[in-house]
Amino acid sequence: MAALTGLKVLDLSRYLSGPTLTMLLADLGADVIKVEALPAGDPARESGPFHGDESVYYMASNRNKRSLAVDLRSPRRHRPGA
């Protein structure tokens, strides 16, 4: 069993230190959920170098994480079943 198994972390960070820290927490067993803003997602997706169409930095610093994209600026709220 990993050291941080059972710990849930909501990752709202962007660039360098935040994604790197939450990557390390995920490597140690935490359940890390990366939240990205719509429409473009994390700006790190556009940072080189690239492997094909994917940012190597983004892929490396967000390994072992689950992800979710949310429009954080829209005042509209979704009602389940609506």
N, C-alpha and C. Protein backbone atom coordinates (compact mmCIF):
# COMPACT_ATOMS: atom_id res chain seq x y z
N MET A 1 0.85 -1.18 0.00
CA MET A 1 0.00 0.00 0.00
C MET A 1 0.90 1.24 0.00
N ALA A 2 0.54 2.22 -0.85
CA ALA A 2 1.31 3.46 -0.94
C ALA A 2 1.05 4.35 0.28
N ALA A 3 1.99 5.22 0.56
CA ALA A 3 1.94 6.06 1.76
C ALA A 3 0.70 6.94 1.85
N LEU A 4 0.20 7.45 0.73
CA LEU A 4 -0.93 8.39 0.75
C LEU A 4 -2.24 7.79 0.25
N THR A 5 -2.32 6.46 0.20
CA THR A 5 -3.55 5.81 -0.22
C THR A 5 -4.70 6.26 0.67
N GLY A 6 -5.82 6.64 0.04
CA GLY A 6 -6.99 7.10 0.78
C GLY A 6 -7.11 8.62 0.84
N LEU A 7 -6.03 9.33 0.52
CA LEU A 7 -6.05 10.79 0.54
C LEU A 7 -6.58 11.29 -0.80
N LYS A 8 -7.54 12.21 -0.78
CA LYS A 8 -8.07 12.81 -2.01
C LYS A 8 -7.56 14.24 -2.11
N VAL A 9 -7.09 14.63 -3.29
CA VAL A 9 -6.54 15.96 -3.52
C VAL A 9 -7.21 16.57 -4.74
N LEU A 10 -7.71 17.79 -4.60
CA LEU A 10 -8.27 18.53 -5.71
C LEU A 10 -7.19 19.48 -6.22
N ASP A 11 -6.73 19.27 -7.45
CA ASP A 11 -5.62 20.03 -8.02
C ASP A 11 -6.16 21.14 -8.91
N LEU A 12 -6.08 22.38 -8.45
CA LEU A 12 -6.50 23.55 -9.22
C LEU A 12 -5.28 24.33 -9.74
N SER A 13 -4.12 23.76 -9.63
CA SER A 13 -2.87 24.46 -9.96
C SER A 13 -2.61 24.49 -11.46
N ARG A 14 -1.70 25.41 -11.84
CA ARG A 14 -1.26 25.57 -13.22
C ARG A 14 0.22 25.90 -13.21
N TYR A 15 0.95 25.27 -14.08
CA TYR A 15 2.38 25.54 -14.28
C TYR A 15 3.28 25.17 -13.11
N LEU A 16 4.35 24.54 -13.42
CA LEU A 16 5.50 24.23 -12.60
C LEU A 16 5.26 23.67 -11.21
N SER A 17 5.33 24.48 -10.17
CA SER A 17 5.37 23.93 -8.82
C SER A 17 4.10 23.21 -8.39
N GLY A 18 2.93 23.76 -8.69
CA GLY A 18 1.67 23.12 -8.29
C GLY A 18 1.47 21.76 -8.92
N PRO A 19 1.52 21.66 -10.26
CA PRO A 19 1.36 20.36 -10.90
C PRO A 19 2.45 19.36 -10.49
N THR A 20 3.66 19.85 -10.26
CA THR A 20 4.74 18.96 -9.84
C THR A 20 4.47 18.40 -8.45
N LEU A 21 4.03 19.25 -7.54
CA LEU A 21 3.70 18.78 -6.18
C LEU A 21 2.58 17.76 -6.22
N THR A 22 1.49 18.05 -6.95
CA THR A 22 0.38 17.10 -6.96
C THR A 22 0.74 15.83 -7.71
N MET A 23 1.68 15.90 -8.67
CA MET A 23 2.18 14.70 -9.33
C MET A 23 2.88 13.81 -8.31
N LEU A 24 3.70 14.42 -7.45
CA LEU A 24 4.39 13.65 -6.42
C LEU A 24 3.41 13.03 -5.43
N LEU A 25 2.35 13.78 -5.07
CA LEU A 25 1.33 13.22 -4.18
C LEU A 25 0.64 12.03 -4.84
N ALA A 26 0.35 12.15 -6.14
CA ALA A 26 -0.26 11.03 -6.87
C ALA A 26 0.70 9.85 -6.94
N ASP A 27 1.98 10.11 -7.16
CA ASP A 27 2.97 9.04 -7.20
C ASP A 27 3.02 8.29 -5.88
N LEU A 28 2.72 8.99 -4.79
CA LEU A 28 2.73 8.37 -3.45
C LEU A 28 1.40 7.75 -3.08
N GLY A 29 0.45 7.73 -4.02
CA GLY A 29 -0.80 7.01 -3.79
C GLY A 29 -2.04 7.85 -3.58
N ALA A 30 -1.92 9.18 -3.51
CA ALA A 30 -3.10 10.02 -3.33
C ALA A 30 -3.96 9.98 -4.59
N ASP A 31 -5.27 10.11 -4.41
CA ASP A 31 -6.21 10.20 -5.52
C ASP A 31 -6.30 11.68 -5.90
N VAL A 32 -5.58 12.09 -6.95
CA VAL A 32 -5.50 13.49 -7.35
C VAL A 32 -6.43 13.72 -8.53
N ILE A 33 -7.29 14.73 -8.39
CA ILE A 33 -8.21 15.10 -9.46
C ILE A 33 -7.80 16.48 -9.97
N LYS A 34 -7.34 16.52 -11.21
CA LYS A 34 -6.89 17.75 -11.86
C LYS A 34 -8.12 18.46 -12.43
N VAL A 35 -8.35 19.72 -12.03
CA VAL A 35 -9.46 20.51 -12.54
C VAL A 35 -8.91 21.54 -13.52
N GLU A 36 -9.41 21.51 -14.74
CA GLU A 36 -8.99 22.44 -15.77
C GLU A 36 -10.16 23.31 -16.18
N ALA A 37 -9.87 24.57 -16.47
CA ALA A 37 -10.91 25.51 -16.90
C ALA A 37 -11.19 25.35 -18.39
N LEU A 38 -12.46 25.41 -18.74
CA LEU A 38 -12.85 25.42 -20.15
C LEU A 38 -12.75 26.84 -20.69
N PRO A 39 -12.55 27.08 -21.94
CA PRO A 39 -12.63 26.11 -23.02
C PRO A 39 -11.29 25.45 -23.37
N ALA A 40 -10.16 26.04 -23.00
CA ALA A 40 -8.87 25.54 -23.49
C ALA A 40 -8.17 24.56 -22.55
N GLY A 41 -8.58 24.50 -21.30
CA GLY A 41 -7.89 23.63 -20.36
C GLY A 41 -6.65 24.29 -19.79
N ASP A 42 -5.80 23.51 -19.19
CA ASP A 42 -4.57 24.00 -18.58
C ASP A 42 -3.66 24.61 -19.65
N PRO A 43 -3.18 25.85 -19.44
CA PRO A 43 -2.28 26.48 -20.42
C PRO A 43 -1.00 25.67 -20.66
N ALA A 44 -0.62 24.83 -19.74
CA ALA A 44 0.58 24.01 -19.92
C ALA A 44 0.45 23.05 -21.11
N ARG A 45 -0.78 22.79 -21.54
CA ARG A 45 -0.98 21.93 -22.71
C ARG A 45 -0.33 22.53 -23.96
N GLU A 46 -0.11 23.85 -23.95
CA GLU A 46 0.48 24.54 -25.10
C GLU A 46 1.98 24.73 -24.97
N SER A 47 2.58 24.25 -23.89
CA SER A 47 4.02 24.43 -23.64
C SER A 47 4.82 23.29 -24.26
N GLY A 48 5.88 23.66 -24.95
CA GLY A 48 6.76 22.65 -25.55
C GLY A 48 7.77 22.14 -24.56
N PRO A 49 8.48 21.13 -24.89
CA PRO A 49 8.50 20.44 -26.17
C PRO A 49 7.27 19.54 -26.33
N PHE A 50 7.05 19.09 -27.56
CA PHE A 50 5.89 18.27 -27.87
C PHE A 50 6.30 16.90 -28.36
N HIS A 51 5.46 15.93 -28.06
CA HIS A 51 5.58 14.59 -28.60
C HIS A 51 4.31 14.40 -29.42
N GLY A 52 4.43 14.53 -30.73
CA GLY A 52 3.23 14.58 -31.57
C GLY A 52 2.49 15.88 -31.25
N ASP A 53 1.22 15.76 -30.89
CA ASP A 53 0.41 16.93 -30.55
C ASP A 53 0.35 17.20 -29.05
N GLU A 54 1.00 16.36 -28.25
CA GLU A 54 0.90 16.47 -26.79
C GLU A 54 2.12 17.14 -26.18
N SER A 55 1.88 18.02 -25.20
CA SER A 55 2.96 18.67 -24.47
C SER A 55 3.63 17.66 -23.54
N VAL A 56 4.93 17.50 -23.72
CA VAL A 56 5.67 16.57 -22.86
C VAL A 56 5.62 17.05 -21.41
N TYR A 57 5.75 18.36 -21.19
CA TYR A 57 5.66 18.90 -19.83
C TYR A 57 4.30 18.59 -19.21
N TYR A 58 3.22 18.82 -19.94
CA TYR A 58 1.88 18.56 -19.40
C TYR A 58 1.71 17.08 -19.05
N MET A 59 2.11 16.21 -19.98
CA MET A 59 1.95 14.77 -19.73
C MET A 59 2.76 14.32 -18.52
N ALA A 60 3.99 14.80 -18.40
CA ALA A 60 4.85 14.37 -17.30
C ALA A 60 4.36 14.89 -15.96
N SER A 61 3.92 16.15 -15.89
CA SER A 61 3.55 16.73 -14.60
C SER A 61 2.14 16.39 -14.16
N ASN A 62 1.39 15.69 -15.01
CA ASN A 62 0.02 15.32 -14.65
C ASN A 62 -0.21 13.82 -14.69
N ARG A 63 0.86 13.06 -14.61
CA ARG A 63 0.72 11.60 -14.59
C ARG A 63 0.03 11.16 -13.29
N ASN A 64 -0.62 10.02 -13.35
CA ASN A 64 -1.30 9.42 -12.20
C ASN A 64 -2.46 10.25 -11.65
N LYS A 65 -2.97 11.18 -12.43
CA LYS A 65 -4.09 12.02 -11.99
C LYS A 65 -5.32 11.72 -12.82
N ARG A 66 -6.48 11.91 -12.20
CA ARG A 66 -7.72 11.91 -12.96
C ARG A 66 -7.96 13.36 -13.35
N SER A 67 -8.85 13.62 -14.30
CA SER A 67 -9.06 15.01 -14.71
C SER A 67 -10.54 15.33 -14.90
N LEU A 68 -10.81 16.62 -14.83
CA LEU A 68 -12.15 17.15 -14.96
C LEU A 68 -12.04 18.54 -15.57
N ALA A 69 -12.88 18.87 -16.53
CA ALA A 69 -12.89 20.20 -17.14
C ALA A 69 -14.18 20.91 -16.74
N VAL A 70 -14.06 22.14 -16.25
CA VAL A 70 -15.20 22.88 -15.74
C VAL A 70 -15.13 24.32 -16.23
N ASP A 71 -16.28 24.88 -16.62
CA ASP A 71 -16.35 26.30 -16.97
C ASP A 71 -16.52 27.06 -15.67
N LEU A 72 -15.43 27.57 -15.12
CA LEU A 72 -15.44 28.22 -13.81
C LEU A 72 -15.92 29.67 -13.87
N ARG A 73 -16.09 30.22 -15.07
CA ARG A 73 -16.50 31.62 -15.20
C ARG A 73 -17.97 31.81 -15.53
N SER A 74 -18.65 30.74 -15.89
CA SER A 74 -20.04 30.86 -16.28
C SER A 74 -20.95 30.89 -15.06
N PRO A 75 -21.87 31.88 -15.02
CA PRO A 75 -22.81 31.93 -13.89
C PRO A 75 -23.92 30.90 -14.02
N ARG A 76 -24.06 30.30 -15.20
CA ARG A 76 -25.10 29.31 -15.43
C ARG A 76 -24.82 28.04 -14.64
N ARG A 77 -25.81 27.53 -14.00
CA ARG A 77 -25.66 26.30 -13.21
C ARG A 77 -26.43 25.18 -13.88
N HIS A 78 -25.85 24.02 -13.84
CA HIS A 78 -26.49 22.85 -14.42
C HIS A 78 -27.36 22.20 -13.36
N ARG A 79 -28.57 21.89 -13.73
CA ARG A 79 -29.46 21.16 -12.83
C ARG A 79 -29.56 19.72 -13.33
N PRO A 80 -29.23 18.75 -12.49
CA PRO A 80 -29.34 17.36 -12.92
C PRO A 80 -30.75 17.06 -13.44
N GLY A 81 -30.83 16.43 -14.59
CA GLY A 81 -32.11 16.06 -15.18
C GLY A 81 -32.74 17.18 -15.99
N ALA A 82 -32.12 18.35 -16.03
CA ALA A 82 -32.70 19.49 -16.78
C ALA A 82 -32.28 19.46 -18.22
